[in-house]
Amino acid sequence: MSMTAVPPSPAPTLVQPLARSQQLERVEGAAAIVVDHTGRRTRLSRLRQSGAAKIRLPRAADRGPLEAILLNTAGGVTGGDQLRYEATVGQNAHLMITSQAAERAYRSADGFAGIETQLDVDAGGHLDWVPQETILFERSRLRRRFAADVAATATLLAVESVVLGRAAMGEVLHDIHFRDDWRIRRGGRLVFADGTRLVGDSDAMMAGGATGGAAVAFATILLVAPGAATKLAAARTALSETESEWGASAWNGLLVARILAFSGQQLRAALVAAIESLRGTPMPRMWNC
């Protein structure tokens, strides 16, 4: 296994480069992983990383998915910081990606932070994208873009979750700018497009009954798979045993679950229940650290 640090590959046309502040020293990072299925196992084919974005690979088991752990060595992002993650899963390979810890979007003095993700899953491949939460701080500015190209016979389980403020510090967010855009293609066709935008006083915006019902944390779970609908009953059963507000539905090879919670701990409990019901295996060890 080799590990080298080289400049990141050019961004695909689907995700345009984000503007970067020129006023202060900023963090940049890019990491990309490619895995293939050979000899009845998923093996690392290529790994590139630069700047603050790193990927670590725990010792692989003989069976099961290869596990990759994302690290941001800067400890978080603020205005002008740019991170990009890429993953390619070859035919019949199985990769599970998580993060070492929750991502943090700190107060921004100038500009926006940007986090971009591009995933590609070939025929028969399986990718679990299950990073830990993103925590937004007061006066944070974050634009997040998530794109995936999934073959018709492949499986993608993708999770993104957000916690609004630091509850232990009594933080309430009155001035943030958060944008999260998803674009998922299956068999070359756009099958899921989603956007979240919170600008200004998120505490007031989330208080409405038609918005967040006073929730301070939320998540989206997306399963793209030929048999996605067969997992719906199990996901609903798992979520019904949690204290969160949720909804889940399935159609045309997609399963989508939305979760609202009134604390970060409540959200995590709901995520663990739902994801384990969909994966059929326990959460990554990083979620228990």
C-alpha atoms as a PDB file:
ATOM      1  CA  MET A   1       0.000   0.000   0.000  1.00  0.00           C
ATOM      2  CA  SER A   2       1.432   3.346  -1.004  1.00  0.00           C
ATOM      3  CA  MET A   3       0.458   6.769   0.232  1.00  0.00           C
ATOM      4  CA  THR A   4       1.527   9.947  -1.521  1.00  0.00           C
ATOM      5  CA  ALA A   5       0.597  13.595  -1.337  1.00  0.00           C
ATOM      6  CA  VAL A   6      -0.068  15.147  -4.732  1.00  0.00           C
ATOM      7  CA  PRO A   7      -2.216  18.021  -5.988  1.00  0.00           C
ATOM      8  CA  PRO A   8      -5.935  17.139  -6.189  1.00  0.00           C
ATOM      9  CA  SER A   9      -7.524  16.223  -9.493  1.00  0.00           C
ATOM     10  CA  PRO A  10      -9.595  18.891 -11.255  1.00  0.00           C
ATOM     11  CA  ALA A  11     -13.137  19.302  -9.975  1.00  0.00           C
ATOM     12  CA  PRO A  12     -15.834  17.734 -12.188  1.00  0.00           C
ATOM     13  CA  THR A  13     -18.126  20.039 -14.086  1.00  0.00           C
ATOM     14  CA  LEU A  14     -20.993  19.165 -11.739  1.00  0.00           C
ATOM     15  CA  VAL A  15     -19.272  20.897  -8.829  1.00  0.00           C
ATOM     16  CA  GLN A  16     -17.810  24.279  -9.628  1.00  0.00           C
ATOM     17  CA  PRO A  17     -14.791  25.553  -7.633  1.00  0.00           C
ATOM     18  CA  LEU A  18     -15.684  27.736  -4.683  1.00  0.00           C
ATOM     19  CA  ALA A  19     -14.350  31.255  -4.266  1.00  0.00           C
ATOM     20  CA  ARG A  20     -11.472  31.564  -1.808  1.00  0.00           C
ATOM     21  CA  SER A  21     -10.644  34.565   0.340  1.00  0.00           C
ATOM     22  CA  GLN A  22      -7.319  36.217  -0.427  1.00  0.00           C
ATOM     23  CA  GLN A  23      -7.141  38.274   2.757  1.00  0.00           C
ATOM     24  CA  LEU A  24      -6.050  35.785   5.428  1.00  0.00           C
ATOM     25  CA  GLU A  25      -4.129  32.535   5.546  1.00  0.00           C
ATOM     26  CA  ARG A  26      -6.559  29.744   4.684  1.00  0.00           C
ATOM     27  CA  VAL A  27      -6.720  25.983   4.897  1.00  0.00           C
ATOM     28  CA  GLU A  28      -6.930  23.904   1.734  1.00  0.00           C
ATOM     29  CA  GLY A  29      -7.110  20.156   1.453  1.00  0.00           C
ATOM     30  CA  ALA A  30      -8.053  17.419  -0.981  1.00  0.00           C
ATOM     31  CA  ALA A  31      -8.177  13.665  -0.532  1.00  0.00           C
ATOM     32  CA  ALA A  32      -9.199  10.941  -2.973  1.00  0.00           C
ATOM     33  CA  ILE A  33      -9.462   7.175  -2.653  1.00  0.00           C
ATOM     34  CA  VAL A  34     -10.031   4.489  -5.305  1.00  0.00           C
ATOM     35  CA  VAL A  35     -10.779   0.869  -4.384  1.00  0.00           C
ATOM     36  CA  ASP A  36     -11.180  -2.270  -6.501  1.00  0.00           C
ATOM     37  CA  HIS A  37     -12.401  -5.798  -5.883  1.00  0.00           C
ATOM     38  CA  THR A  38      -9.690  -8.409  -6.421  1.00  0.00           C
ATOM     39  CA  GLY A  39      -9.152 -11.837  -4.944  1.00  0.00           C
ATOM     40  CA  ARG A  40     -12.532 -11.802  -3.178  1.00  0.00           C
ATOM     41  CA  ARG A  41     -11.536  -8.708  -1.251  1.00  0.00           C
ATOM     42  CA  THR A  42     -11.803  -4.959  -1.626  1.00  0.00           C
ATOM     43  CA  ARG A  43      -8.325  -3.487  -1.921  1.00  0.00           C
ATOM     44  CA  LEU A  44      -6.897  -0.016  -2.121  1.00  0.00           C
ATOM     45  CA  SER A  45      -5.993   0.955  -5.673  1.00  0.00           C
ATOM     46  CA  ARG A  46      -5.001   4.621  -5.329  1.00  0.00           C
ATOM     47  CA  LEU A  47      -4.822   7.202  -2.564  1.00  0.00           C
ATOM     48  CA  ARG A  48      -4.061  10.902  -2.928  1.00  0.00           C
ATOM     49  CA  GLN A  49      -4.091  13.542  -0.229  1.00  0.00           C
ATOM     50  CA  SER A  50      -2.867  17.070   0.212  1.00  0.00           C
ATOM     51  CA  GLY A  51      -3.147  19.873   2.721  1.00  0.00           C
ATOM     52  CA  ALA A  52      -5.435  19.394   5.721  1.00  0.00           C
ATOM     53  CA  ALA A  53      -7.525  16.605   4.158  1.00  0.00           C
ATOM     54  CA  LYS A  54      -6.303  13.131   5.078  1.00  0.00           C
ATOM     55  CA  ILE A  55      -7.560   9.564   4.757  1.00  0.00           C
ATOM     56  CA  ARG A  56      -6.526   6.788   7.123  1.00  0.00           C
ATOM     57  CA  LEU A  57      -7.114   3.081   6.542  1.00  0.00           C
ATOM     58  CA  PRO A  58      -7.354   0.850   9.627  1.00  0.00           C
ATOM     59  CA  ARG A  59      -6.088  -2.691   9.240  1.00  0.00           C
ATOM     60  CA  ALA A  60      -8.486  -4.398   6.847  1.00  0.00           C
ATOM     61  CA  ALA A  61     -10.379  -7.519   7.807  1.00  0.00           C
ATOM     62  CA  ASP A  62     -10.397 -10.507   5.465  1.00  0.00           C
ATOM     63  CA  ARG A  63     -14.096  -9.991   4.854  1.00  0.00           C
ATOM     64  CA  GLY A  64     -16.446  -7.051   4.841  1.00  0.00           C
ATOM     65  CA  PRO A  65     -15.938  -3.546   3.478  1.00  0.00           C
ATOM     66  CA  LEU A  66     -12.675  -1.688   3.409  1.00  0.00           C
ATOM     67  CA  GLU A  67     -12.877   1.132   5.966  1.00  0.00           C
ATOM     68  CA  ALA A  68     -11.580   4.657   5.347  1.00  0.00           C
ATOM     69  CA  ILE A  69     -11.483   7.452   7.929  1.00  0.00           C
ATOM     70  CA  LEU A  70     -11.493  11.124   6.947  1.00  0.00           C
ATOM     71  CA  LEU A  71      -9.434  13.619   8.937  1.00  0.00           C
ATOM     72  CA  ASN A  72      -9.289  17.384   8.782  1.00  0.00           C
ATOM     73  CA  THR A  73      -6.003  18.176  10.495  1.00  0.00           C
ATOM     74  CA  ALA A  74      -7.016  21.832  10.805  1.00  0.00           C
ATOM     75  CA  GLY A  75      -9.642  20.808  13.359  1.00  0.00           C
ATOM     76  CA  GLY A  76     -12.490  22.559  11.548  1.00  0.00           C
ATOM     77  CA  VAL A  77     -13.260  25.091   8.832  1.00  0.00           C
ATOM     78  CA  THR A  78     -13.775  28.835   8.730  1.00  0.00           C
ATOM     79  CA  GLY A  79     -14.245  31.485   6.061  1.00  0.00           C
ATOM     80  CA  GLY A  80     -12.082  30.846   2.990  1.00  0.00           C
ATOM     81  CA  ASP A  81     -11.137  27.263   3.890  1.00  0.00           C
ATOM     82  CA  GLN A  82     -11.681  24.684   1.142  1.00  0.00           C
ATOM     83  CA  LEU A  83     -11.863  20.900   1.511  1.00  0.00           C
ATOM     84  CA  ARG A  84     -12.592  18.337  -1.179  1.00  0.00           C
ATOM     85  CA  TYR A  85     -13.138  14.586  -0.830  1.00  0.00           C
ATOM     86  CA  GLU A  86     -13.422  12.050  -3.670  1.00  0.00           C
ATOM     87  CA  ALA A  87     -14.101   8.318  -3.593  1.00  0.00           C
ATOM     88  CA  THR A  88     -14.364   5.810  -6.445  1.00  0.00           C
ATOM     89  CA  VAL A  89     -15.621   2.278  -5.799  1.00  0.00           C
ATOM     90  CA  GLY A  90     -14.861  -0.240  -8.538  1.00  0.00           C
ATOM     91  CA  GLN A  91     -17.059  -3.099  -9.699  1.00  0.00           C
ATOM     92  CA  ASN A  92     -18.252  -5.310  -6.812  1.00  0.00           C
ATOM     93  CA  ALA A  93     -16.018  -3.476  -4.313  1.00  0.00           C
ATOM     94  CA  HIS A  94     -17.314  -2.362  -0.919  1.00  0.00           C
ATOM     95  CA  LEU A  95     -16.038   0.750   0.864  1.00  0.00           C
ATOM     96  CA  MET A  96     -17.200   2.347   4.097  1.00  0.00           C
ATOM     97  CA  ILE A  97     -16.172   5.969   4.760  1.00  0.00           C
ATOM     98  CA  THR A  98     -16.582   7.744   8.070  1.00  0.00           C
ATOM     99  CA  SER A  99     -14.809  10.593   9.875  1.00  0.00           C
ATOM    100  CA  GLN A 100     -12.533  10.706  12.880  1.00  0.00           C
ATOM    101  CA  ALA A 101     -14.737  13.267  14.642  1.00  0.00           C
ATOM    102  CA  ALA A 102     -17.497  15.768  14.047  1.00  0.00           C
ATOM    103  CA  GLU A 103     -16.644  18.513  11.552  1.00  0.00           C
ATOM    104  CA  ARG A 104     -16.808  22.041  12.982  1.00  0.00           C
ATOM    105  CA  ALA A 105     -17.715  25.207  11.114  1.00  0.00           C
ATOM    106  CA  TYR A 106     -16.222  28.047  13.169  1.00  0.00           C
ATOM    107  CA  ARG A 107     -17.059  31.738  13.209  1.00  0.00           C
ATOM    108  CA  SER A 108     -16.015  33.344   9.941  1.00  0.00           C
ATOM    109  CA  ALA A 109     -14.192  36.666   9.829  1.00  0.00           C
ATOM    110  CA  ASP A 110     -14.170  36.763   6.040  1.00  0.00           C
ATOM    111  CA  GLY A 111     -15.878  34.699   3.329  1.00  0.00           C
ATOM    112  CA  PHE A 112     -17.294  31.190   3.195  1.00  0.00           C
ATOM    113  CA  ALA A 113     -15.856  27.798   3.999  1.00  0.00           C
ATOM    114  CA  GLY A 114     -16.470  25.132   1.364  1.00  0.00           C
ATOM    115  CA  ILE A 115     -16.652  21.349   1.613  1.00  0.00           C
ATOM    116  CA  GLU A 116     -17.146  19.353  -1.596  1.00  0.00           C
ATOM    117  CA  THR A 117     -17.699  15.627  -1.969  1.00  0.00           C
ATOM    118  CA  GLN A 118     -17.722  13.579  -5.181  1.00  0.00           C
ATOM    119  CA  LEU A 119     -18.547   9.865  -5.054  1.00  0.00           C
ATOM    120  CA  ASP A 120     -18.573   7.326  -7.910  1.00  0.00           C
ATOM    121  CA  VAL A 121     -19.830   3.757  -7.521  1.00  0.00           C
ATOM    122  CA  ASP A 122     -19.431   1.270 -10.382  1.00  0.00           C
ATOM    123  CA  ALA A 123     -21.646  -1.716 -11.198  1.00  0.00           C
ATOM    124  CA  GLY A 124     -22.184  -4.013  -8.238  1.00  0.00           C
ATOM    125  CA  GLY A 125     -20.205  -1.692  -5.974  1.00  0.00           C
ATOM    126  CA  HIS A 126     -21.286  -0.630  -2.501  1.00  0.00           C
ATOM    127  CA  LEU A 127     -20.348   2.604  -0.738  1.00  0.00           C
ATOM    128  CA  ASP A 128     -21.390   3.627   2.774  1.00  0.00           C
ATOM    129  CA  TRP A 129     -20.796   7.355   3.339  1.00  0.00           C
ATOM    130  CA  VAL A 130     -21.402   7.811   7.078  1.00  0.00           C
ATOM    131  CA  PRO A 131     -19.368  10.757   8.449  1.00  0.00           C
ATOM    132  CA  GLN A 132     -20.088  12.122  11.899  1.00  0.00           C
ATOM    133  CA  GLU A 133     -22.018  15.354  12.430  1.00  0.00           C
ATOM    134  CA  THR A 134     -21.191  18.854  11.259  1.00  0.00           C
ATOM    135  CA  ILE A 135     -21.490  21.382  14.097  1.00  0.00           C
ATOM    136  CA  LEU A 136     -22.279  24.962  13.107  1.00  0.00           C
ATOM    137  CA  PHE A 137     -20.986  27.764  15.366  1.00  0.00           C
ATOM    138  CA  GLU A 138     -22.455  31.257  15.663  1.00  0.00           C
ATOM    139  CA  ARG A 139     -21.456  33.435  12.667  1.00  0.00           C
ATOM    140  CA  SER A 140     -20.277  30.413  10.701  1.00  0.00           C
ATOM    141  CA  ARG A 141     -20.395  30.513   6.899  1.00  0.00           C
ATOM    142  CA  LEU A 142     -20.426  27.120   5.171  1.00  0.00           C
ATOM    143  CA  ARG A 143     -21.318  25.912   1.690  1.00  0.00           C
ATOM    144  CA  ARG A 144     -21.389  22.159   1.292  1.00  0.00           C
ATOM    145  CA  ARG A 145     -21.795  20.336  -2.014  1.00  0.00           C
ATOM    146  CA  PHE A 146     -22.419  16.604  -2.300  1.00  0.00           C
ATOM    147  CA  ALA A 147     -22.514  14.779  -5.652  1.00  0.00           C
ATOM    148  CA  ALA A 148     -22.580  11.102  -6.563  1.00  0.00           C
ATOM    149  CA  ASP A 149     -22.724   9.005  -9.722  1.00  0.00           C
ATOM    150  CA  VAL A 150     -24.097   5.547  -8.970  1.00  0.00           C
ATOM    151  CA  ALA A 151     -24.375   2.679 -11.454  1.00  0.00           C
ATOM    152  CA  ALA A 152     -27.806   1.118 -11.875  1.00  0.00           C
ATOM    153  CA  THR A 153     -26.753  -2.062 -10.027  1.00  0.00           C
ATOM    154  CA  ALA A 154     -24.673  -0.313  -7.356  1.00  0.00           C
ATOM    155  CA  THR A 155     -25.548   0.722  -3.801  1.00  0.00           C
ATOM    156  CA  LEU A 156     -24.911   4.042  -2.078  1.00  0.00           C
ATOM    157  CA  LEU A 157     -25.845   4.761   1.521  1.00  0.00           C
ATOM    158  CA  ALA A 158     -25.201   8.446   2.264  1.00  0.00           C
ATOM    159  CA  VAL A 159     -25.723  10.333   5.493  1.00  0.00           C
ATOM    160  CA  GLU A 160     -25.191  13.996   6.360  1.00  0.00           C
ATOM    161  CA  SER A 161     -26.173  15.506   9.698  1.00  0.00           C
ATOM    162  CA  VAL A 162     -26.004  18.983  11.242  1.00  0.00           C
ATOM    163  CA  VAL A 163     -26.050  20.239  14.828  1.00  0.00           C
ATOM    164  CA  LEU A 164     -26.912  23.903  15.353  1.00  0.00           C
ATOM    165  CA  GLY A 165     -24.612  25.304  18.024  1.00  0.00           C
ATOM    166  CA  ARG A 166     -22.799  23.930  21.053  1.00  0.00           C
ATOM    167  CA  ALA A 167     -25.404  22.904  23.598  1.00  0.00           C
ATOM    168  CA  ALA A 168     -22.850  22.507  26.405  1.00  0.00           C
ATOM    169  CA  MET A 169     -22.035  26.220  26.061  1.00  0.00           C
ATOM    170  CA  GLY A 170     -25.642  27.300  25.746  1.00  0.00           C
ATOM    171  CA  GLU A 171     -24.956  28.588  22.235  1.00  0.00           C
ATOM    172  CA  VAL A 172     -27.962  29.737  20.210  1.00  0.00           C
ATOM    173  CA  LEU A 173     -27.400  30.609  16.567  1.00  0.00           C
ATOM    174  CA  HIS A 174     -28.728  33.987  15.434  1.00  0.00           C
ATOM    175  CA  ASP A 175     -26.325  34.692  12.571  1.00  0.00           C
ATOM    176  CA  ILE A 176     -25.242  31.869  10.283  1.00  0.00           C
ATOM    177  CA  HIS A 177     -25.118  31.099   6.572  1.00  0.00           C
ATOM    178  CA  PHE A 178     -25.370  27.407   5.741  1.00  0.00           C
ATOM    179  CA  ARG A 179     -26.072  25.907   2.340  1.00  0.00           C
ATOM    180  CA  ASP A 180     -26.104  22.200   1.531  1.00  0.00           C
ATOM    181  CA  ASP A 181     -26.719  20.935  -2.030  1.00  0.00           C
ATOM    182  CA  TRP A 182     -27.096  17.296  -3.124  1.00  0.00           C
ATOM    183  CA  ARG A 183     -27.039  15.964  -6.697  1.00  0.00           C
ATOM    184  CA  ILE A 184     -27.288  12.190  -7.141  1.00  0.00           C
ATOM    185  CA  ARG A 185     -27.220  10.446 -10.508  1.00  0.00           C
ATOM    186  CA  ARG A 186     -28.098   6.809 -11.044  1.00  0.00           C
ATOM    187  CA  GLY A 187     -27.295   5.138 -14.321  1.00  0.00           C
ATOM    188  CA  GLY A 188     -26.408   8.562 -15.687  1.00  0.00           C
ATOM    189  CA  ARG A 189     -29.794  10.124 -14.778  1.00  0.00           C
ATOM    190  CA  LEU A 190     -30.417  12.707 -12.094  1.00  0.00           C
ATOM    191  CA  VAL A 191     -32.608  10.946  -9.513  1.00  0.00           C
ATOM    192  CA  PHE A 192     -32.205  13.104  -6.409  1.00  0.00           C
ATOM    193  CA  ALA A 193     -31.674  16.840  -6.073  1.00  0.00           C
ATOM    194  CA  ASP A 194     -31.956  18.471  -2.688  1.00  0.00           C
ATOM    195  CA  GLY A 195     -30.993  21.749  -1.059  1.00  0.00           C
ATOM    196  CA  THR A 196     -30.961  23.177   2.452  1.00  0.00           C
ATOM    197  CA  ARG A 197     -30.440  26.865   3.159  1.00  0.00           C
ATOM    198  CA  LEU A 198     -30.284  28.524   6.565  1.00  0.00           C
ATOM    199  CA  VAL A 199     -29.382  32.207   6.486  1.00  0.00           C
ATOM    200  CA  GLY A 200     -29.664  34.514   9.471  1.00  0.00           C
ATOM    201  CA  ASP A 201     -31.355  33.555  12.728  1.00  0.00           C
ATOM    202  CA  SER A 202     -31.551  29.766  12.573  1.00  0.00           C
ATOM    203  CA  ASP A 203     -33.100  29.604  16.044  1.00  0.00           C
ATOM    204  CA  ALA A 204     -36.090  31.586  14.807  1.00  0.00           C
ATOM    205  CA  MET A 205     -36.272  29.746  11.486  1.00  0.00           C
ATOM    206  CA  MET A 206     -36.215  26.306  13.104  1.00  0.00           C
ATOM    207  CA  ALA A 207     -38.878  27.309  15.647  1.00  0.00           C
ATOM    208  CA  GLY A 208     -41.714  27.134  13.118  1.00  0.00           C
ATOM    209  CA  GLY A 209     -43.953  24.108  13.037  1.00  0.00           C
ATOM    210  CA  ALA A 210     -43.508  23.819   9.267  1.00  0.00           C
ATOM    211  CA  THR A 211     -39.713  24.109   9.452  1.00  0.00           C
ATOM    212  CA  GLY A 212     -38.039  22.521  12.446  1.00  0.00           C
ATOM    213  CA  GLY A 213     -40.494  22.514  15.319  1.00  0.00           C
ATOM    214  CA  ALA A 214     -37.768  23.955  17.590  1.00  0.00           C
ATOM    215  CA  ALA A 215     -35.292  21.202  16.653  1.00  0.00           C
ATOM    216  CA  VAL A 216     -31.577  21.997  16.966  1.00  0.00           C
ATOM    217  CA  ALA A 217     -30.240  19.095  14.884  1.00  0.00           C
ATOM    218  CA  PHE A 218     -31.254  17.426  11.651  1.00  0.00           C
ATOM    219  CA  ALA A 219     -30.102  14.801   9.171  1.00  0.00           C
ATOM    220  CA  THR A 220     -30.779  13.283   5.770  1.00  0.00           C
ATOM    221  CA  ILE A 221     -30.261   9.602   5.023  1.00  0.00           C
ATOM    222  CA  LEU A 222     -30.308   8.439   1.412  1.00  0.00           C
ATOM    223  CA  LEU A 223     -30.137   4.857   0.182  1.00  0.00           C
ATOM    224  CA  VAL A 224     -29.734   4.306  -3.559  1.00  0.00           C
ATOM    225  CA  ALA A 225     -30.008   0.603  -4.349  1.00  0.00           C
ATOM    226  CA  PRO A 226     -32.007  -1.844  -6.491  1.00  0.00           C
ATOM    227  CA  GLY A 227     -33.784  -3.147  -3.380  1.00  0.00           C
ATOM    228  CA  ALA A 228     -34.041   0.092  -1.428  1.00  0.00           C
ATOM    229  CA  ALA A 229     -37.800  -0.234  -0.829  1.00  0.00           C
ATOM    230  CA  THR A 230     -37.327  -3.548   0.977  1.00  0.00           C
ATOM    231  CA  LYS A 231     -35.428  -1.684   3.721  1.00  0.00           C
ATOM    232  CA  LEU A 232     -38.186   0.836   4.421  1.00  0.00           C
ATOM    233  CA  ALA A 233     -40.084  -1.139   7.048  1.00  0.00           C
ATOM    234  CA  ALA A 234     -36.915  -1.859   9.036  1.00  0.00           C
ATOM    235  CA  ALA A 235     -35.861   1.805   8.915  1.00  0.00           C
ATOM    236  CA  ARG A 236     -39.281   2.973  10.096  1.00  0.00           C
ATOM    237  CA  THR A 237     -39.308   0.450  12.916  1.00  0.00           C
ATOM    238  CA  ALA A 238     -35.858   1.529  14.079  1.00  0.00           C
ATOM    239  CA  LEU A 239     -36.726   5.243  13.968  1.00  0.00           C
ATOM    240  CA  SER A 240     -40.053   4.729  15.752  1.00  0.00           C
ATOM    241  CA  GLU A 241     -38.114   3.596  18.829  1.00  0.00           C
ATOM    242  CA  THR A 242     -36.170   6.875  19.051  1.00  0.00           C
ATOM    243  CA  GLU A 243     -37.173  10.252  20.515  1.00  0.00           C
ATOM    244  CA  SER A 244     -36.686  12.136  17.262  1.00  0.00           C
ATOM    245  CA  GLU A 245     -39.165  13.455  14.731  1.00  0.00           C
ATOM    246  CA  TRP A 246     -38.753  11.679  11.420  1.00  0.00           C
ATOM    247  CA  GLY A 247     -40.202  10.681   8.087  1.00  0.00           C
ATOM    248  CA  ALA A 248     -39.123   7.982   5.631  1.00  0.00           C
ATOM    249  CA  SER A 249     -40.277   6.939   2.181  1.00  0.00           C
ATOM    250  CA  ALA A 250     -39.059   4.859  -0.777  1.00  0.00           C
ATOM    251  CA  TRP A 251     -39.620   4.973  -4.530  1.00  0.00           C
ATOM    252  CA  ASN A 252     -37.847   3.953  -7.746  1.00  0.00           C
ATOM    253  CA  GLY A 253     -34.802   2.457  -6.037  1.00  0.00           C
ATOM    254  CA  LEU A 254     -34.413   5.303  -3.523  1.00  0.00           C
ATOM    255  CA  LEU A 255     -35.053   5.453   0.204  1.00  0.00           C
ATOM    256  CA  VAL A 256     -34.954   8.815   1.951  1.00  0.00           C
ATOM    257  CA  ALA A 257     -35.272   9.507   5.677  1.00  0.00           C
ATOM    258  CA  ARG A 258     -35.355  12.935   7.335  1.00  0.00           C
ATOM    259  CA  ILE A 259     -34.682  13.325  11.025  1.00  0.00           C
ATOM    260  CA  LEU A 260     -35.247  16.277  13.391  1.00  0.00           C
ATOM    261  CA  ALA A 261     -33.928  16.154  16.937  1.00  0.00           C
ATOM    262  CA  PHE A 262     -33.849  18.399  19.976  1.00  0.00           C
ATOM    263  CA  SER A 263     -30.250  17.646  20.940  1.00  0.00           C
ATOM    264  CA  GLY A 264     -27.135  16.320  19.308  1.00  0.00           C
ATOM    265  CA  GLN A 265     -27.323  13.173  21.442  1.00  0.00           C
ATOM    266  CA  GLN A 266     -30.896  12.557  20.359  1.00  0.00           C
ATOM    267  CA  LEU A 267     -29.928  12.927  16.714  1.00  0.00           C
ATOM    268  CA  ARG A 268     -27.003  10.549  17.055  1.00  0.00           C
ATOM    269  CA  ALA A 269     -29.193   7.896  18.679  1.00  0.00           C
ATOM    270  CA  ALA A 270     -31.670   8.151  15.813  1.00  0.00           C
ATOM    271  CA  LEU A 271     -28.908   8.006  13.205  1.00  0.00           C
ATOM    272  CA  VAL A 272     -27.338   4.926  14.758  1.00  0.00           C
ATOM    273  CA  ALA A 273     -30.691   3.145  14.856  1.00  0.00           C
ATOM    274  CA  ALA A 274     -31.579   4.001  11.263  1.00  0.00           C
ATOM    275  CA  ILE A 275     -28.161   3.378   9.726  1.00  0.00           C
ATOM    276  CA  GLU A 276     -27.685   0.044  11.467  1.00  0.00           C
ATOM    277  CA  SER A 277     -31.100  -1.070  10.212  1.00  0.00           C
ATOM    278  CA  LEU A 278     -30.063  -0.196   6.650  1.00  0.00           C
ATOM    279  CA  ARG A 279     -26.511  -1.564   6.796  1.00  0.00           C
ATOM    280  CA  GLY A 280     -27.319  -4.659   8.832  1.00  0.00           C
ATOM    281  CA  THR A 281     -24.040  -4.198  10.717  1.00  0.00           C
ATOM    282  CA  PRO A 282     -22.890  -2.055  13.682  1.00  0.00           C
ATOM    283  CA  MET A 283     -21.732   1.520  13.216  1.00  0.00           C
ATOM    284  CA  PRO A 284     -18.044   2.225  12.546  1.00  0.00           C
ATOM    285  CA  ARG A 285     -15.877   2.200  15.646  1.00  0.00           C
ATOM    286  CA  MET A 286     -15.153   5.920  15.244  1.00  0.00           C
ATOM    287  CA  TRP A 287     -18.760   6.640  16.186  1.00  0.00           C
ATOM    288  CA  ASN A 288     -18.103   5.143  19.620  1.00  0.00           C
ATOM    289  CA  CYS A 289     -14.883   7.058  20.383  1.00  0.00           C
END
